[in-house]
Every structure is written in C-alpha cells, then in structure tokens.
C-alpha cells in the first residue's frame, strides 16, 4: 500500500501477515486477485499456517479487471449449499469465460488455478526427495536442470522480472530426459502429487498453449541473477518455509 508505512516507503501486505491475521479462523477459500501468487511457496505457507481448504491464484499474470465478482456471487446465491471445492472451481470457470470472449481477449495471457492445500505438504516432501537426488549427481543433471528451467519460463516478462518457472513443466522435462530409475520415479511421484493438488485450471485459448499448469516456482535464470537482480527479493523470500526447507540451498548450489 503506497499510502501507509514509513514516509517514502510502501507497506506491502505479506502472506505471513495474512496468516497472522487469519490465525484461529476457519477459512474455506483464499482467492488472490493478484499476479504470480500461484506458486508452490505460497501454497505451502498457507497449507501449514491456516485452516484453509483451497487456494485460488494465478502462477502468471492476471488482467487488471480481476475476478468477476458479480457473476461469481450470483452463482453462489443460486446454490448456497454447494461444496467448498465447487465454489472454488466457480472462480476459475467465471474467470475463463470472461477472458475468453470479446472485448477482453486482449488480456488473454492470464490464468487462475484451484489448489487443494491439504495435499501440498506431501507434494513438497516428494519434491524435496526429487531435488535431493538431482544434487547427488549434479554434474550429470546440471544441463538438463537448466534446460528444464528455461523451457518452463512463463511468457511476458517472468524471465527477467519474477524468475518464475512452471513447476509441472520443469519436472516433466527432467523425467523425460534422464535415465536413472530413481530420479524418474521421484519425478513421477511429484507429478502425481501435482495432479492431486491442482483441482482445476482456468485458462483462455491462448494461455492453454503457453505452458501454464497451475503452480509455479521461484527459479531465477542464473546464479548471478539470483544474487544480484533478485538479491533484495531473496531476503524477503527467506521467510518462506519452502525456501528454508531446501529449495534456496538447491538454487545456491546450482
């Protein structure tokens, strides 16, 4: 918020502050009307910090119009006893409908996904096993890792501005290009977890071809970029549990 905080400095609302504010409450759905919130780091933070069932968020950009609150609330009013999962999916359905038709198709490089938070800790555990195996023979897998990272970068600036790679694409590329049975099995376990976590994906016709699968991961395109361009970001990133539990060490090792 540019209007609060110390003079000359903005006071940004962090995910950790959201968790602190909502601690002790049952929250069925957290839906983010903001860009690049749909990351494994964010999902993991909410899965451990809150009593929340679903996260609805975009791993890439969203149109500045955001959610179609009018049509979403109309559908909830028609069927007030719908399940929590159905309510979360309605968000992606209405989003897709809105941005797939004129006059808003110019904002089509957008997406929203529903993540089931109860299954996220298992995903993170299996992903840690997967990356640990890669580090055990980093010389063999180094080039494959970076090719997977580059080919999974999302469009419209994530390479330089946010350092986001699509998680499913990253793991799939490695599974398809290594021969070690243990690495393949670990990667396939991660992909199976992702299929359980990502309940629904809302994309337009254009974004369906651009590699969005529902969850991204912070993965700058070089070590130099990590420690220079993303230096201040890394300081903020360190507070995320996902970063603390091995991922940041993996990036530094690369």
Protein backbone atom coordinates (compact mmCIF):
# COMPACT_ATOMS: atom_id res chain seq x y z
CA UNK A 1 0.00 0.00 0.00
CA UNK A 2 1.70 3.19 -1.18
CA UNK A 3 -0.28 5.35 1.27
CA UNK A 4 0.83 3.70 4.53
CA UNK A 5 4.01 2.82 6.32
CA UNK A 6 7.17 4.81 6.93
CA UNK A 7 7.34 8.03 4.92
CA UNK A 8 8.76 7.29 1.49
CA UNK A 9 8.28 3.54 1.84
CA UNK A 10 5.34 1.34 0.90
CA UNK A 11 3.89 -1.10 3.42
CA UNK A 12 3.31 -4.33 1.46
CA UNK A 13 0.92 -6.94 2.82
CA UNK A 14 2.86 -10.18 3.07
CA UNK A 15 1.47 -13.70 3.04
CA UNK A 16 2.86 -14.14 6.53
CA UNK A 17 0.81 -11.14 7.71
CA UNK A 18 -2.31 -12.64 6.13
CA UNK A 19 -1.68 -15.87 8.03
CA UNK A 20 -1.17 -13.97 11.27
CA UNK A 21 -4.41 -12.01 10.77
CA UNK A 22 -6.49 -15.11 9.98
CA UNK A 23 -4.92 -17.42 12.54
CA UNK A 24 -7.56 -19.22 14.58
CA UNK A 25 -10.27 -18.86 11.95
CA UNK A 26 -11.62 -21.45 9.52
CA UNK A 27 -11.22 -20.06 6.00
CA UNK A 28 -12.69 -22.22 3.24
CA UNK A 29 -11.03 -20.48 0.28
CA UNK A 30 -8.31 -17.91 -0.17
CA UNK A 31 -8.59 -16.35 -3.62
CA UNK A 32 -5.95 -13.91 -4.77
CA UNK A 33 -6.85 -11.12 -7.19
CA UNK A 34 -3.18 -10.54 -7.99
CA UNK A 35 -0.40 -11.67 -10.31
CA UNK A 36 2.07 -14.55 -9.69
CA UNK A 37 0.62 -15.66 -6.34
CA UNK A 38 0.02 -19.22 -7.58
CA UNK A 39 3.41 -20.58 -6.52
CA UNK A 40 4.29 -23.69 -4.57
CA UNK A 41 5.93 -21.48 -1.94
CA UNK A 42 2.68 -19.61 -1.26
CA UNK A 43 0.52 -22.74 -1.29
CA UNK A 44 2.84 -24.43 1.20
CA UNK A 45 2.81 -21.40 3.50
CA UNK A 46 -0.98 -21.36 3.65
CA UNK A 47 -1.26 -25.14 3.93
CA UNK A 48 0.78 -25.09 7.14
CA UNK A 49 -0.24 -21.74 8.57
CA UNK A 50 -4.03 -21.70 8.20
CA UNK A 51 -7.09 -23.89 8.44
CA UNK A 52 -7.88 -23.35 4.77
CA UNK A 53 -9.08 -25.79 2.12
CA UNK A 54 -8.28 -24.18 -1.23
CA UNK A 55 -6.08 -21.51 -2.75
CA UNK A 56 -7.25 -19.87 -5.98
CA UNK A 57 -4.41 -17.94 -7.58
CA UNK A 58 -2.51 -17.25 -10.78
CA UNK A 59 1.03 -18.50 -11.38
CA UNK A 60 1.34 -15.87 -14.09
CA UNK A 61 -0.32 -12.56 -14.73
CA UNK A 62 -3.98 -11.65 -14.46
CA UNK A 63 -5.97 -8.92 -16.20
CA UNK A 64 -6.33 -5.72 -14.27
CA UNK A 65 -10.11 -6.29 -14.04
CA UNK A 66 -9.55 -9.25 -11.74
CA UNK A 67 -12.33 -11.58 -10.66
CA UNK A 68 -15.86 -11.21 -11.99
CA UNK A 69 -17.34 -10.77 -8.54
CA UNK A 70 -20.87 -10.11 -9.83
CA UNK A 71 -21.28 -13.41 -11.72
CA UNK A 72 -19.44 -15.37 -9.02
CA UNK A 73 -21.76 -14.12 -6.27
CA UNK A 74 -24.81 -14.69 -8.44
CA UNK A 75 -23.89 -18.36 -8.78
CA UNK A 76 -23.24 -18.69 -5.06
CA UNK A 77 -26.64 -17.13 -4.33
CA UNK A 78 -28.37 -19.61 -6.65
CA UNK A 79 -26.73 -22.58 -4.94
CA UNK A 80 -25.69 -21.54 -1.40
CA UNK A 81 -25.18 -25.15 -0.23
CA UNK A 82 -22.57 -26.01 -2.87
CA UNK A 83 -19.37 -27.66 -1.69
CA UNK A 84 -16.28 -25.62 -0.93
CA UNK A 85 -14.46 -27.18 -3.88
CA UNK A 86 -17.32 -26.33 -6.22
CA UNK A 87 -17.25 -22.73 -5.03
CA UNK A 88 -13.51 -22.54 -5.70
CA UNK A 89 -13.92 -24.01 -9.19
CA UNK A 90 -16.60 -21.41 -9.99
CA UNK A 91 -13.91 -18.76 -9.64
CA UNK A 92 -11.83 -20.32 -12.40
CA UNK A 93 -14.88 -21.05 -14.57
CA UNK A 94 -16.12 -17.47 -14.48
CA UNK A 95 -12.59 -16.17 -14.98
CA UNK A 96 -12.12 -18.32 -18.08
CA UNK A 97 -15.48 -17.34 -19.52
CA UNK A 98 -14.81 -13.65 -19.02
CA UNK A 99 -11.37 -13.57 -20.61
CA UNK A 100 -12.18 -15.92 -23.48
CA UNK A 101 -14.71 -13.58 -25.09
CA UNK A 102 -14.68 -10.08 -26.58
CA UNK A 103 -13.86 -7.40 -25.66
CA UNK A 104 -11.35 -8.69 -23.08
CA UNK A 105 -9.46 -11.23 -25.15
CA UNK A 106 -6.54 -8.80 -25.42
CA UNK A 107 -5.87 -9.68 -21.77
CA UNK A 108 -5.79 -13.37 -22.57
CA UNK A 109 -2.32 -14.09 -21.17
CA UNK A 110 -3.91 -14.83 -17.83
CA UNK A 111 -4.87 -17.84 -15.76
CA UNK A 112 -6.25 -18.97 -12.41
CA UNK A 113 -5.93 -22.35 -10.70
CA UNK A 114 -7.51 -24.07 -7.70
CA UNK A 115 -5.03 -25.80 -5.38
CA UNK A 116 -6.11 -28.24 -2.68
CA UNK A 117 -3.98 -27.21 0.27
CA UNK A 118 -4.31 -30.42 2.29
CA UNK A 119 -2.23 -32.25 -0.33
CA UNK A 120 0.51 -29.63 -0.63
CA UNK A 121 2.78 -30.90 2.21
CA UNK A 122 3.06 -34.31 0.51
CA UNK A 123 3.93 -32.55 -2.75
CA UNK A 124 6.66 -30.54 -1.05
CA UNK A 125 8.10 -33.63 0.65
CA UNK A 126 8.25 -35.57 -2.62
CA UNK A 127 9.71 -32.58 -4.45
CA UNK A 128 12.48 -32.42 -1.83
CA UNK A 129 13.28 -36.07 -2.47
CA UNK A 130 13.37 -35.38 -6.20
CA UNK A 131 15.76 -32.41 -5.94
CA UNK A 132 17.99 -34.22 -3.43
CA UNK A 133 18.50 -36.98 -5.98
CA UNK A 134 19.42 -34.40 -8.62
CA UNK A 135 22.01 -32.85 -6.31
CA UNK A 136 23.60 -36.26 -5.64
CA UNK A 137 24.82 -36.31 -9.26
CA UNK A 138 24.67 -32.64 -10.20
CA UNK A 139 27.41 -32.97 -12.83
CA UNK A 140 25.20 -35.36 -14.81
CA UNK A 141 21.99 -33.38 -14.41
CA UNK A 142 23.21 -29.78 -14.47
CA UNK A 143 22.45 -29.08 -18.15
CA UNK A 144 19.12 -30.90 -18.01
CA UNK A 145 18.06 -28.85 -14.97
CA UNK A 146 18.80 -25.55 -16.67
CA UNK A 147 17.16 -26.62 -19.92
CA UNK A 148 14.06 -27.57 -17.94
CA UNK A 149 14.13 -24.24 -16.14
CA UNK A 150 14.46 -22.19 -19.33
CA UNK A 151 11.82 -24.10 -21.27
CA UNK A 152 9.35 -23.76 -18.39
CA UNK A 153 9.62 -19.99 -18.01
CA UNK A 154 6.27 -18.32 -18.49
CA UNK A 155 5.63 -15.61 -21.01
CA UNK A 156 5.52 -11.83 -20.67
CA UNK A 157 8.46 -10.99 -18.50
CA UNK A 158 8.73 -13.72 -15.88
CA UNK A 159 12.26 -14.49 -17.06
CA UNK A 160 13.58 -11.09 -16.12
CA UNK A 161 11.06 -9.71 -13.67
CA UNK A 162 9.84 -12.53 -11.47
CA UNK A 163 12.03 -15.58 -12.04
CA UNK A 164 9.06 -17.92 -12.27
CA UNK A 165 9.13 -21.35 -13.93
CA UNK A 166 6.14 -23.64 -14.30
CA UNK A 167 6.66 -26.46 -11.80
CA UNK A 168 4.93 -29.23 -13.75
CA UNK A 169 6.87 -28.41 -16.92
CA UNK A 170 10.16 -28.36 -15.01
CA UNK A 171 9.65 -31.80 -13.50
CA UNK A 172 8.22 -33.33 -16.70
CA UNK A 173 11.21 -32.19 -18.74
CA UNK A 174 13.65 -33.84 -16.34
CA UNK A 175 11.63 -37.06 -16.11
CA UNK A 176 11.55 -37.26 -19.92
CA UNK A 177 15.29 -36.69 -20.29
CA UNK A 178 17.01 -38.74 -17.60
CA UNK A 179 17.61 -42.48 -17.46
CA UNK A 180 18.15 -43.03 -13.75
CA UNK A 181 15.19 -45.03 -12.47
CA UNK A 182 15.24 -43.44 -9.01
CA UNK A 183 15.11 -39.90 -10.40
CA UNK A 184 12.34 -40.83 -12.81
CA UNK A 185 10.30 -42.46 -10.03
CA UNK A 186 10.77 -39.48 -7.74
CA UNK A 187 9.74 -37.09 -10.52
CA UNK A 188 6.68 -39.16 -11.36
CA UNK A 189 5.67 -39.06 -7.69
CA UNK A 190 5.85 -35.26 -7.81
CA UNK A 191 3.73 -35.15 -10.96
CA UNK A 192 1.16 -37.43 -9.35
CA UNK A 193 1.06 -35.11 -6.34
CA UNK A 194 0.56 -32.12 -8.61
CA UNK A 195 -2.38 -33.82 -10.28
CA UNK A 196 -3.96 -34.19 -6.83
CA UNK A 197 -3.15 -30.66 -5.67
CA UNK A 198 -4.34 -28.78 -8.78
CA UNK A 199 -8.09 -29.35 -8.78
CA UNK A 200 -8.99 -27.01 -11.61
CA UNK A 201 -7.24 -24.74 -14.08
CA UNK A 202 -8.80 -21.73 -15.74
CA UNK A 203 -7.06 -20.60 -18.89
CA UNK A 204 -8.06 -18.97 -22.14
CA UNK A 205 -7.41 -20.43 -25.57
CA UNK A 206 -4.13 -18.56 -25.84
CA UNK A 207 -2.76 -19.39 -22.40
CA UNK A 208 -3.63 -23.05 -22.86
CA UNK A 209 -0.73 -23.19 -25.33
CA UNK A 210 1.78 -21.30 -23.20
CA UNK A 211 2.69 -23.86 -20.55
CA UNK A 212 0.54 -22.90 -17.59
CA UNK A 213 -0.18 -25.91 -15.39
CA UNK A 214 -1.34 -24.23 -12.18
CA UNK A 215 1.67 -23.76 -9.89
CA UNK A 216 4.98 -22.04 -10.49
CA UNK A 217 8.22 -21.95 -8.53
CA UNK A 218 10.80 -19.22 -7.96
CA UNK A 219 13.72 -20.19 -10.18
CA UNK A 220 15.89 -17.30 -11.47
CA UNK A 221 17.63 -17.99 -14.75
CA UNK A 222 21.19 -17.92 -13.37
CA UNK A 223 23.10 -17.85 -10.13
CA UNK A 224 24.23 -14.32 -10.94
CA UNK A 225 20.63 -13.24 -11.37
CA UNK A 226 19.71 -14.86 -8.07
CA UNK A 227 22.30 -12.96 -6.05
CA UNK A 228 22.17 -9.64 -7.95
CA UNK A 229 18.89 -8.90 -9.72
CA UNK A 230 16.91 -10.85 -7.12
CA UNK A 231 19.13 -10.02 -4.15
CA UNK A 232 16.54 -7.90 -2.28
CA UNK A 233 13.81 -10.40 -3.23
CA UNK A 234 15.82 -13.26 -1.75
CA UNK A 235 15.88 -11.51 1.62
CA UNK A 236 12.08 -11.44 1.59
CA UNK A 237 11.98 -14.96 0.17
CA UNK A 238 13.98 -16.44 3.04
CA UNK A 239 10.99 -16.22 5.40
CA UNK A 240 9.01 -18.75 3.33
CA UNK A 241 9.09 -22.24 4.79
CA UNK A 242 9.56 -23.78 1.34
CA UNK A 243 12.73 -21.73 0.86
CA UNK A 244 14.03 -22.72 4.29
CA UNK A 245 13.43 -26.43 3.76
CA UNK A 246 15.91 -26.96 0.97
CA UNK A 247 14.90 -25.04 -2.16
CA UNK A 248 17.06 -21.98 -1.58
CA UNK A 249 20.03 -24.23 -0.85
CA UNK A 250 19.33 -26.02 -4.14
CA UNK A 251 19.40 -22.71 -6.02
CA UNK A 252 22.63 -21.62 -4.36
CA UNK A 253 24.22 -24.97 -5.22
CA UNK A 254 23.36 -24.52 -8.89
